[in-house]
């Protein structure tokens, strides 16, 4: 059986990556529009009507606008923007996060793709908060570095033209667009401090959560809880620190849909740091969208990944 998929915004960074993962598959037929039709609302609505699932790779405001225009049509959607990640009418598309979530994605009409930074933070913290190993009111700091592709076409051009050639920290005003979904889906009652940065490389991401309050020996329990939570997952692995050696390269999982989680620190002295490693364009964006698409279509979720 061939399934029809329309990517609205397929010429953006995420859309191009999704298309690349789908166009070689014989079970998927992409519904495409010519360049002159891509901003034509009527042509776009007709493409959604033809497709089994539409994928939104649009700015937030544009995603909200097209969803409103599709109201009542029954069109199934995956939204890769930030617009619907804490909307109760949308299923949060992180199937490994909780038991039962995969079934909700499979039957859902509206699925919101997680953000890249939030995928790492939620993957690390949600199971630990859920089990009471980290209190919801704990004052947390989340640090992260991403390749410049996470900033989309404008930032890619900035680096590739040489306008910018070094790393930088940003969003220090604590208004980063991924914070609401981190708070909501981890289950935090206290807003964390989030310090993201961009490195002078194209793709790959590390998310770090320092836990200075851990007593000696407690870090082993965190590793065990994460390993139990993600046991049997096709894409999420919980690894030991020696899996990496002395240095962890954020590009290690590039061009995959994999996510690696680990707990680092000295068990004799206490304190630890949780680390999530992923491709910001893979499990952090396009790979996750294809995984959700597979689930929504009743297919093996690893297809094309």
C-alpha atoms as a PDB file:
ATOM      1  CA  UNK A   1       0.000   0.000   0.000  1.00  0.00           C
ATOM      2  CA  UNK A   2       1.280   3.467  -0.874  1.00  0.00           C
ATOM      3  CA  UNK A   3       0.620   6.342   1.520  1.00  0.00           C
ATOM      4  CA  UNK A   4       0.458   9.961   0.372  1.00  0.00           C
ATOM      5  CA  UNK A   5       2.322  12.628   2.359  1.00  0.00           C
ATOM      6  CA  UNK A   6       2.395  16.390   1.829  1.00  0.00           C
ATOM      7  CA  UNK A   7       5.222  18.436   3.378  1.00  0.00           C
ATOM      8  CA  UNK A   8       4.104  22.047   3.716  1.00  0.00           C
ATOM      9  CA  UNK A   9       7.348  24.027   3.785  1.00  0.00           C
ATOM     10  CA  UNK A  10       9.467  21.318   2.200  1.00  0.00           C
ATOM     11  CA  UNK A  11      12.187  23.740   1.034  1.00  0.00           C
ATOM     12  CA  UNK A  12      13.211  24.651   4.610  1.00  0.00           C
ATOM     13  CA  UNK A  13      15.936  22.836   6.535  1.00  0.00           C
ATOM     14  CA  UNK A  14      13.591  20.407   8.323  1.00  0.00           C
ATOM     15  CA  UNK A  15      11.384  19.891   5.265  1.00  0.00           C
ATOM     16  CA  UNK A  16      14.330  19.036   3.044  1.00  0.00           C
ATOM     17  CA  UNK A  17      15.597  16.511   5.584  1.00  0.00           C
ATOM     18  CA  UNK A  18      12.168  14.869   5.870  1.00  0.00           C
ATOM     19  CA  UNK A  19      11.867  14.708   2.106  1.00  0.00           C
ATOM     20  CA  UNK A  20      15.304  13.084   1.821  1.00  0.00           C
ATOM     21  CA  UNK A  21      14.218  10.384   4.287  1.00  0.00           C
ATOM     22  CA  UNK A  22      10.956   9.700   2.411  1.00  0.00           C
ATOM     23  CA  UNK A  23      11.561  10.123  -1.303  1.00  0.00           C
ATOM     24  CA  UNK A  24      13.398   6.812  -1.756  1.00  0.00           C
ATOM     25  CA  UNK A  25      10.653   4.743  -0.133  1.00  0.00           C
ATOM     26  CA  UNK A  26       8.252   2.735  -2.289  1.00  0.00           C
ATOM     27  CA  UNK A  27       5.526   2.847   0.381  1.00  0.00           C
ATOM     28  CA  UNK A  28       5.355   6.669   0.361  1.00  0.00           C
ATOM     29  CA  UNK A  29       4.292   9.011  -2.427  1.00  0.00           C
ATOM     30  CA  UNK A  30       5.051  12.662  -1.831  1.00  0.00           C
ATOM     31  CA  UNK A  31       2.400  15.166  -2.850  1.00  0.00           C
ATOM     32  CA  UNK A  32       4.387  18.104  -4.213  1.00  0.00           C
ATOM     33  CA  UNK A  33       3.656  21.618  -5.409  1.00  0.00           C
ATOM     34  CA  UNK A  34       5.498  23.694  -7.976  1.00  0.00           C
ATOM     35  CA  UNK A  35       7.462  26.695  -6.798  1.00  0.00           C
ATOM     36  CA  UNK A  36       4.690  29.083  -7.845  1.00  0.00           C
ATOM     37  CA  UNK A  37       2.091  27.139  -5.822  1.00  0.00           C
ATOM     38  CA  UNK A  38       3.963  26.793  -2.528  1.00  0.00           C
ATOM     39  CA  UNK A  39       2.459  29.987  -1.124  1.00  0.00           C
ATOM     40  CA  UNK A  40      -0.919  29.533  -2.810  1.00  0.00           C
ATOM     41  CA  UNK A  41      -3.381  28.696  -0.039  1.00  0.00           C
ATOM     42  CA  UNK A  42      -5.831  26.947  -2.363  1.00  0.00           C
ATOM     43  CA  UNK A  43      -3.119  24.720  -3.834  1.00  0.00           C
ATOM     44  CA  UNK A  44      -1.819  23.883  -0.378  1.00  0.00           C
ATOM     45  CA  UNK A  45      -5.291  22.980   0.919  1.00  0.00           C
ATOM     46  CA  UNK A  46      -5.821  20.727  -2.107  1.00  0.00           C
ATOM     47  CA  UNK A  47      -2.506  19.011  -1.394  1.00  0.00           C
ATOM     48  CA  UNK A  48      -3.524  18.413   2.233  1.00  0.00           C
ATOM     49  CA  UNK A  49      -6.841  16.966   1.030  1.00  0.00           C
ATOM     50  CA  UNK A  50      -4.996  14.517  -1.212  1.00  0.00           C
ATOM     51  CA  UNK A  51      -2.539  13.392   1.456  1.00  0.00           C
ATOM     52  CA  UNK A  52      -3.013  10.786   4.174  1.00  0.00           C
ATOM     53  CA  UNK A  53      -0.813  12.882   6.470  1.00  0.00           C
ATOM     54  CA  UNK A  54       0.420  16.459   6.158  1.00  0.00           C
ATOM     55  CA  UNK A  55       3.662  17.593   7.771  1.00  0.00           C
ATOM     56  CA  UNK A  56       4.011  21.269   8.713  1.00  0.00           C
ATOM     57  CA  UNK A  57       7.538  22.674   8.417  1.00  0.00           C
ATOM     58  CA  UNK A  58       6.501  26.283   8.886  1.00  0.00           C
ATOM     59  CA  UNK A  59       7.072  29.220  11.239  1.00  0.00           C
ATOM     60  CA  UNK A  60       4.759  29.107  14.252  1.00  0.00           C
ATOM     61  CA  UNK A  61       2.310  31.749  13.015  1.00  0.00           C
ATOM     62  CA  UNK A  62       2.005  30.110   9.601  1.00  0.00           C
ATOM     63  CA  UNK A  63       1.421  26.710  11.233  1.00  0.00           C
ATOM     64  CA  UNK A  64      -1.391  28.125  13.382  1.00  0.00           C
ATOM     65  CA  UNK A  65      -2.928  29.800  10.336  1.00  0.00           C
ATOM     66  CA  UNK A  66      -3.006  26.693   8.130  1.00  0.00           C
ATOM     67  CA  UNK A  67      -4.318  24.501  10.966  1.00  0.00           C
ATOM     68  CA  UNK A  68      -7.234  26.924  11.375  1.00  0.00           C
ATOM     69  CA  UNK A  69      -7.948  26.730   7.649  1.00  0.00           C
ATOM     70  CA  UNK A  70      -7.924  22.908   7.833  1.00  0.00           C
ATOM     71  CA  UNK A  71     -10.413  22.817  10.710  1.00  0.00           C
ATOM     72  CA  UNK A  72     -13.168  20.274  10.153  1.00  0.00           C
ATOM     73  CA  UNK A  73     -11.463  18.560   7.215  1.00  0.00           C
ATOM     74  CA  UNK A  74     -10.211  15.556   9.196  1.00  0.00           C
ATOM     75  CA  UNK A  75      -6.687  16.040   7.838  1.00  0.00           C
ATOM     76  CA  UNK A  76      -4.048  14.291   9.943  1.00  0.00           C
ATOM     77  CA  UNK A  77      -1.075  16.519  10.743  1.00  0.00           C
ATOM     78  CA  UNK A  78       2.424  16.453  12.171  1.00  0.00           C
ATOM     79  CA  UNK A  79       3.603  19.920  13.184  1.00  0.00           C
ATOM     80  CA  UNK A  80       7.375  20.417  13.335  1.00  0.00           C
ATOM     81  CA  UNK A  81       7.015  23.984  14.654  1.00  0.00           C
ATOM     82  CA  UNK A  82       6.777  25.101  18.285  1.00  0.00           C
ATOM     83  CA  UNK A  83       3.155  26.174  17.905  1.00  0.00           C
ATOM     84  CA  UNK A  84       1.316  23.153  19.337  1.00  0.00           C
ATOM     85  CA  UNK A  85       3.784  21.379  21.649  1.00  0.00           C
ATOM     86  CA  UNK A  86       1.886  22.223  24.826  1.00  0.00           C
ATOM     87  CA  UNK A  87      -1.573  22.284  23.235  1.00  0.00           C
ATOM     88  CA  UNK A  88      -3.788  19.637  24.936  1.00  0.00           C
ATOM     89  CA  UNK A  89      -5.531  18.938  21.610  1.00  0.00           C
ATOM     90  CA  UNK A  90      -2.233  17.732  20.117  1.00  0.00           C
ATOM     91  CA  UNK A  91      -0.346  14.538  20.982  1.00  0.00           C
ATOM     92  CA  UNK A  92       3.273  15.213  21.922  1.00  0.00           C
ATOM     93  CA  UNK A  93       5.256  13.200  19.393  1.00  0.00           C
ATOM     94  CA  UNK A  94       7.927  11.638  21.602  1.00  0.00           C
ATOM     95  CA  UNK A  95       6.788   7.979  21.591  1.00  0.00           C
ATOM     96  CA  UNK A  96       9.500   6.804  24.004  1.00  0.00           C
ATOM     97  CA  UNK A  97       8.517   9.326  26.671  1.00  0.00           C
ATOM     98  CA  UNK A  98       5.681   7.327  28.258  1.00  0.00           C
ATOM     99  CA  UNK A  99       3.898   4.024  27.840  1.00  0.00           C
ATOM    100  CA  UNK A 100       0.682   4.559  25.917  1.00  0.00           C
ATOM    101  CA  UNK A 101       2.007   7.591  24.040  1.00  0.00           C
ATOM    102  CA  UNK A 102       2.846   5.532  20.958  1.00  0.00           C
ATOM    103  CA  UNK A 103      -0.786   4.346  20.776  1.00  0.00           C
ATOM    104  CA  UNK A 104      -2.011   7.926  21.073  1.00  0.00           C
ATOM    105  CA  UNK A 105       0.277   8.960  18.223  1.00  0.00           C
ATOM    106  CA  UNK A 106      -0.954   6.027  16.118  1.00  0.00           C
ATOM    107  CA  UNK A 107      -4.588   7.034  16.499  1.00  0.00           C
ATOM    108  CA  UNK A 108      -4.126  10.793  16.742  1.00  0.00           C
ATOM    109  CA  UNK A 109      -5.179  13.403  14.221  1.00  0.00           C
ATOM    110  CA  UNK A 110      -2.752  16.054  15.450  1.00  0.00           C
ATOM    111  CA  UNK A 111       0.836  15.247  16.505  1.00  0.00           C
ATOM    112  CA  UNK A 112       3.384  17.882  17.539  1.00  0.00           C
ATOM    113  CA  UNK A 113       7.045  17.103  16.917  1.00  0.00           C
ATOM    114  CA  UNK A 114       9.315  17.854  19.914  1.00  0.00           C
ATOM    115  CA  UNK A 115      12.062  20.462  19.659  1.00  0.00           C
ATOM    116  CA  UNK A 116      15.693  19.392  19.456  1.00  0.00           C
ATOM    117  CA  UNK A 117      16.924  20.777  22.800  1.00  0.00           C
ATOM    118  CA  UNK A 118      13.742  19.684  24.521  1.00  0.00           C
ATOM    119  CA  UNK A 119      14.053  16.136  23.174  1.00  0.00           C
ATOM    120  CA  UNK A 120      17.335  15.761  25.050  1.00  0.00           C
ATOM    121  CA  UNK A 121      16.162  17.511  28.220  1.00  0.00           C
ATOM    122  CA  UNK A 122      12.830  15.694  28.408  1.00  0.00           C
ATOM    123  CA  UNK A 123      14.419  12.320  27.668  1.00  0.00           C
ATOM    124  CA  UNK A 124      16.824  12.782  30.581  1.00  0.00           C
ATOM    125  CA  UNK A 125      14.531  14.364  33.151  1.00  0.00           C
ATOM    126  CA  UNK A 126      11.004  13.054  32.584  1.00  0.00           C
ATOM    127  CA  UNK A 127      11.671   9.468  33.800  1.00  0.00           C
ATOM    128  CA  UNK A 128      13.583  10.732  36.852  1.00  0.00           C
ATOM    129  CA  UNK A 129      10.939  13.257  37.892  1.00  0.00           C
ATOM    130  CA  UNK A 130       8.194  10.709  37.261  1.00  0.00           C
ATOM    131  CA  UNK A 131       9.935   8.243  39.605  1.00  0.00           C
ATOM    132  CA  UNK A 132      10.571  10.882  42.277  1.00  0.00           C
ATOM    133  CA  UNK A 133      14.355  10.687  41.885  1.00  0.00           C
ATOM    134  CA  UNK A 134      14.409  14.402  41.074  1.00  0.00           C
ATOM    135  CA  UNK A 135      11.762  16.577  42.712  1.00  0.00           C
ATOM    136  CA  UNK A 136       9.570  18.646  40.401  1.00  0.00           C
ATOM    137  CA  UNK A 137      10.499  21.806  42.325  1.00  0.00           C
ATOM    138  CA  UNK A 138      14.273  21.237  42.078  1.00  0.00           C
ATOM    139  CA  UNK A 139      16.165  24.305  40.757  1.00  0.00           C
ATOM    140  CA  UNK A 140      17.742  22.918  37.580  1.00  0.00           C
ATOM    141  CA  UNK A 141      20.109  24.305  34.971  1.00  0.00           C
ATOM    142  CA  UNK A 142      20.176  22.919  31.427  1.00  0.00           C
ATOM    143  CA  UNK A 143      23.170  23.606  29.194  1.00  0.00           C
ATOM    144  CA  UNK A 144      23.362  22.644  25.522  1.00  0.00           C
ATOM    145  CA  UNK A 145      25.296  23.056  22.303  1.00  0.00           C
ATOM    146  CA  UNK A 146      23.926  22.556  18.803  1.00  0.00           C
ATOM    147  CA  UNK A 147      25.280  22.702  15.290  1.00  0.00           C
ATOM    148  CA  UNK A 148      24.359  25.853  13.390  1.00  0.00           C
ATOM    149  CA  UNK A 149      21.787  24.025  11.229  1.00  0.00           C
ATOM    150  CA  UNK A 150      19.447  24.296  14.207  1.00  0.00           C
ATOM    151  CA  UNK A 151      19.051  27.986  13.351  1.00  0.00           C
ATOM    152  CA  UNK A 152      17.611  27.236   9.913  1.00  0.00           C
ATOM    153  CA  UNK A 153      18.532  28.724   6.543  1.00  0.00           C
ATOM    154  CA  UNK A 154      19.537  32.160   7.837  1.00  0.00           C
ATOM    155  CA  UNK A 155      22.037  30.837  10.370  1.00  0.00           C
ATOM    156  CA  UNK A 156      23.363  28.219   7.949  1.00  0.00           C
ATOM    157  CA  UNK A 157      24.067  31.008   5.447  1.00  0.00           C
ATOM    158  CA  UNK A 158      25.668  33.115   8.186  1.00  0.00           C
ATOM    159  CA  UNK A 159      28.209  30.394   8.995  1.00  0.00           C
ATOM    160  CA  UNK A 160      28.788  29.116   5.483  1.00  0.00           C
ATOM    161  CA  UNK A 161      29.433  32.636   4.171  1.00  0.00           C
ATOM    162  CA  UNK A 162      32.001  33.267   6.893  1.00  0.00           C
ATOM    163  CA  UNK A 163      29.966  36.065   8.469  1.00  0.00           C
ATOM    164  CA  UNK A 164      30.102  34.056  11.701  1.00  0.00           C
ATOM    165  CA  UNK A 165      32.910  31.581  12.332  1.00  0.00           C
ATOM    166  CA  UNK A 166      32.901  30.905  16.052  1.00  0.00           C
ATOM    167  CA  UNK A 167      30.651  29.541  18.826  1.00  0.00           C
ATOM    168  CA  UNK A 168      28.250  31.713  20.783  1.00  0.00           C
ATOM    169  CA  UNK A 169      25.781  31.558  23.671  1.00  0.00           C
ATOM    170  CA  UNK A 170      22.273  32.957  23.138  1.00  0.00           C
ATOM    171  CA  UNK A 171      18.755  33.179  24.643  1.00  0.00           C
ATOM    172  CA  UNK A 172      20.183  34.163  28.023  1.00  0.00           C
ATOM    173  CA  UNK A 173      16.975  36.114  28.742  1.00  0.00           C
ATOM    174  CA  UNK A 174      15.341  32.753  29.571  1.00  0.00           C
ATOM    175  CA  UNK A 175      12.678  33.066  26.856  1.00  0.00           C
ATOM    176  CA  UNK A 176      13.850  30.276  24.586  1.00  0.00           C
ATOM    177  CA  UNK A 177      10.907  28.752  22.733  1.00  0.00           C
ATOM    178  CA  UNK A 178      11.690  25.213  23.962  1.00  0.00           C
ATOM    179  CA  UNK A 179      11.310  26.064  27.657  1.00  0.00           C
ATOM    180  CA  UNK A 180       7.492  25.702  27.835  1.00  0.00           C
ATOM    181  CA  UNK A 181       7.549  22.158  26.439  1.00  0.00           C
ATOM    182  CA  UNK A 182      10.457  21.157  28.703  1.00  0.00           C
ATOM    183  CA  UNK A 183       8.557  22.383  31.768  1.00  0.00           C
ATOM    184  CA  UNK A 184       5.257  20.816  30.709  1.00  0.00           C
ATOM    185  CA  UNK A 185       6.480  17.403  29.571  1.00  0.00           C
ATOM    186  CA  UNK A 186       9.121  16.871  32.248  1.00  0.00           C
ATOM    187  CA  UNK A 187       6.525  17.855  34.840  1.00  0.00           C
ATOM    188  CA  UNK A 188       8.535  20.621  36.508  1.00  0.00           C
ATOM    189  CA  UNK A 189       6.915  23.015  38.945  1.00  0.00           C
ATOM    190  CA  UNK A 190       9.929  25.346  38.938  1.00  0.00           C
ATOM    191  CA  UNK A 191      11.247  26.977  35.776  1.00  0.00           C
ATOM    192  CA  UNK A 192      14.777  25.736  34.922  1.00  0.00           C
ATOM    193  CA  UNK A 193      17.586  27.987  33.734  1.00  0.00           C
ATOM    194  CA  UNK A 194      18.385  27.118  30.119  1.00  0.00           C
ATOM    195  CA  UNK A 195      21.670  28.136  28.476  1.00  0.00           C
ATOM    196  CA  UNK A 196      21.868  27.053  24.801  1.00  0.00           C
ATOM    197  CA  UNK A 197      24.845  27.687  22.533  1.00  0.00           C
ATOM    198  CA  UNK A 198      25.767  27.211  18.886  1.00  0.00           C
ATOM    199  CA  UNK A 199      29.016  25.635  17.721  1.00  0.00           C
ATOM    200  CA  UNK A 200      30.905  26.251  14.461  1.00  0.00           C
ATOM    201  CA  UNK A 201      29.828  22.941  12.915  1.00  0.00           C
ATOM    202  CA  UNK A 202      26.707  22.045  10.954  1.00  0.00           C
ATOM    203  CA  UNK A 203      24.813  19.465  12.981  1.00  0.00           C
ATOM    204  CA  UNK A 204      24.918  17.453  16.192  1.00  0.00           C
ATOM    205  CA  UNK A 205      23.823  18.264  19.733  1.00  0.00           C
ATOM    206  CA  UNK A 206      24.668  17.663  23.383  1.00  0.00           C
ATOM    207  CA  UNK A 207      22.268  18.570  26.219  1.00  0.00           C
ATOM    208  CA  UNK A 208      23.674  18.601  29.776  1.00  0.00           C
ATOM    209  CA  UNK A 209      21.886  18.780  33.122  1.00  0.00           C
ATOM    210  CA  UNK A 210      24.237  19.201  36.127  1.00  0.00           C
ATOM    211  CA  UNK A 211      23.012  17.665  39.389  1.00  0.00           C
ATOM    212  CA  UNK A 212      25.401  19.035  42.074  1.00  0.00           C
ATOM    213  CA  UNK A 213      23.033  18.063  44.897  1.00  0.00           C
ATOM    214  CA  UNK A 214      23.408  14.276  44.424  1.00  0.00           C
ATOM    215  CA  UNK A 215      24.896  12.384  47.367  1.00  0.00           C
ATOM    216  CA  UNK A 216      27.730   9.852  46.835  1.00  0.00           C
ATOM    217  CA  UNK A 217      26.436   6.694  45.159  1.00  0.00           C
ATOM    218  CA  UNK A 218      23.111   8.175  43.968  1.00  0.00           C
ATOM    219  CA  UNK A 219      24.114   8.486  40.308  1.00  0.00           C
ATOM    220  CA  UNK A 220      23.929   4.701  39.839  1.00  0.00           C
ATOM    221  CA  UNK A 221      20.222   4.823  40.631  1.00  0.00           C
ATOM    222  CA  UNK A 222      19.658   7.442  37.940  1.00  0.00           C
ATOM    223  CA  UNK A 223      21.392   5.301  35.320  1.00  0.00           C
ATOM    224  CA  UNK A 224      19.301   2.279  36.338  1.00  0.00           C
ATOM    225  CA  UNK A 225      16.052   4.269  36.160  1.00  0.00           C
ATOM    226  CA  UNK A 226      16.835   5.599  32.685  1.00  0.00           C
ATOM    227  CA  UNK A 227      17.877   2.152  31.462  1.00  0.00           C
ATOM    228  CA  UNK A 228      14.628   0.647  32.738  1.00  0.00           C
ATOM    229  CA  UNK A 229      12.514   3.389  31.197  1.00  0.00           C
ATOM    230  CA  UNK A 230      14.015   3.046  27.704  1.00  0.00           C
ATOM    231  CA  UNK A 231      14.573  -0.721  27.682  1.00  0.00           C
ATOM    232  CA  UNK A 232      13.743  -2.164  24.268  1.00  0.00           C
ATOM    233  CA  UNK A 233      13.683   1.198  22.498  1.00  0.00           C
ATOM    234  CA  UNK A 234      14.769   1.135  18.861  1.00  0.00           C
ATOM    235  CA  UNK A 235      16.286   4.609  18.973  1.00  0.00           C
ATOM    236  CA  UNK A 236      17.013   5.597  22.582  1.00  0.00           C
ATOM    237  CA  UNK A 237      20.007   3.997  24.312  1.00  0.00           C
ATOM    238  CA  UNK A 238      21.256   4.463  27.867  1.00  0.00           C
ATOM    239  CA  UNK A 239      25.030   4.063  27.892  1.00  0.00           C
ATOM    240  CA  UNK A 240      27.773   4.183  30.475  1.00  0.00           C
ATOM    241  CA  UNK A 241      30.343   7.003  30.548  1.00  0.00           C
ATOM    242  CA  UNK A 242      33.135   4.786  29.227  1.00  0.00           C
ATOM    243  CA  UNK A 243      31.111   4.400  26.036  1.00  0.00           C
ATOM    244  CA  UNK A 244      32.647   7.704  24.930  1.00  0.00           C
ATOM    245  CA  UNK A 245      36.133   7.926  26.385  1.00  0.00           C
ATOM    246  CA  UNK A 246      37.512  11.244  27.598  1.00  0.00           C
ATOM    247  CA  UNK A 247      35.631  13.417  25.093  1.00  0.00           C
ATOM    248  CA  UNK A 248      32.058  13.406  23.781  1.00  0.00           C
ATOM    249  CA  UNK A 249      31.701  14.685  20.227  1.00  0.00           C
ATOM    250  CA  UNK A 250      28.257  16.261  19.598  1.00  0.00           C
ATOM    251  CA  UNK A 251      28.468  15.054  15.967  1.00  0.00           C
ATOM    252  CA  UNK A 252      28.714  11.394  16.949  1.00  0.00           C
ATOM    253  CA  UNK A 253      25.096  10.519  16.025  1.00  0.00           C
ATOM    254  CA  UNK A 254      24.782  12.711  12.945  1.00  0.00           C
ATOM    255  CA  UNK A 255      22.510  11.435  10.160  1.00  0.00           C
ATOM    256  CA  UNK A 256      20.753   9.012  12.512  1.00  0.00           C
ATOM    257  CA  UNK A 257      17.520   9.038  14.514  1.00  0.00           C
ATOM    258  CA  UNK A 258      19.350   7.826  17.605  1.00  0.00           C
ATOM    259  CA  UNK A 259      19.460   9.381  21.053  1.00  0.00           C
ATOM    260  CA  UNK A 260      22.049   8.367  23.670  1.00  0.00           C
ATOM    261  CA  UNK A 261      21.613   9.141  27.376  1.00  0.00           C
ATOM    262  CA  UNK A 262      24.271   8.818  30.064  1.00  0.00           C
ATOM    263  CA  UNK A 263      25.024   9.742  33.690  1.00  0.00           C
ATOM    264  CA  UNK A 264      28.512  11.075  34.439  1.00  0.00           C
ATOM    265  CA  UNK A 265      30.330  11.986  37.636  1.00  0.00           C
ATOM    266  CA  UNK A 266      32.331  10.618  40.526  1.00  0.00           C
ATOM    267  CA  UNK A 267      30.127   8.247  42.563  1.00  0.00           C
ATOM    268  CA  UNK A 268      32.480   8.606  45.542  1.00  0.00           C
ATOM    269  CA  UNK A 269      32.131  12.367  45.868  1.00  0.00           C
ATOM    270  CA  UNK A 270      28.540  12.938  44.747  1.00  0.00           C
ATOM    271  CA  UNK A 271      27.199  15.234  42.084  1.00  0.00           C
ATOM    272  CA  UNK A 272      26.674  14.197  38.482  1.00  0.00           C
ATOM    273  CA  UNK A 273      25.791  15.478  35.039  1.00  0.00           C
ATOM    274  CA  UNK A 274      23.139  13.971  32.801  1.00  0.00           C
ATOM    275  CA  UNK A 275      24.043  14.012  29.113  1.00  0.00           C
ATOM    276  CA  UNK A 276      21.886  13.520  26.017  1.00  0.00           C
ATOM    277  CA  UNK A 277      23.499  13.172  22.599  1.00  0.00           C
ATOM    278  CA  UNK A 278      21.517  13.436  19.338  1.00  0.00           C
ATOM    279  CA  UNK A 279      21.477  14.867  15.842  1.00  0.00           C
ATOM    280  CA  UNK A 280      19.495  18.103  16.011  1.00  0.00           C
ATOM    281  CA  UNK A 281      18.268  17.361  12.469  1.00  0.00           C
ATOM    282  CA  UNK A 282      17.598  13.676  13.229  1.00  0.00           C
ATOM    283  CA  UNK A 283      15.879  12.689  16.475  1.00  0.00           C
ATOM    284  CA  UNK A 284      15.721  16.427  17.137  1.00  0.00           C
ATOM    285  CA  UNK A 285      13.647  17.238  14.055  1.00  0.00           C
ATOM    286  CA  UNK A 286      13.260  15.383  10.746  1.00  0.00           C
ATOM    287  CA  UNK A 287      14.013  11.875  11.968  1.00  0.00           C
ATOM    288  CA  UNK A 288      11.475  12.247  14.756  1.00  0.00           C
ATOM    289  CA  UNK A 289       8.868  13.467  12.240  1.00  0.00           C
ATOM    290  CA  UNK A 290       9.416  10.396  10.052  1.00  0.00           C
ATOM    291  CA  UNK A 291       9.222   8.130  13.111  1.00  0.00           C
ATOM    292  CA  UNK A 292       5.892   9.734  14.065  1.00  0.00           C
ATOM    293  CA  UNK A 293       4.675   9.450  10.479  1.00  0.00           C
ATOM    294  CA  UNK A 294       5.469   5.735  10.432  1.00  0.00           C
ATOM    295  CA  UNK A 295       3.538   5.229  13.661  1.00  0.00           C
ATOM    296  CA  UNK A 296       0.543   7.227  12.394  1.00  0.00           C
ATOM    297  CA  UNK A 297       0.437   5.140   9.211  1.00  0.00           C
ATOM    298  CA  UNK A 298       0.630   1.840  11.131  1.00  0.00           C
ATOM    299  CA  UNK A 299       4.081   1.022   9.760  1.00  0.00           C
ATOM    300  CA  UNK A 300       7.289  -0.224  11.361  1.00  0.00           C
ATOM    301  CA  UNK A 301       8.481   2.961  13.057  1.00  0.00           C
ATOM    302  CA  UNK A 302      12.091   2.374  12.003  1.00  0.00           C
ATOM    303  CA  UNK A 303      11.358   2.514   8.246  1.00  0.00           C
ATOM    304  CA  UNK A 304      13.560   5.038   6.474  1.00  0.00           C
ATOM    305  CA  UNK A 305      15.534   5.645   9.654  1.00  0.00           C
END
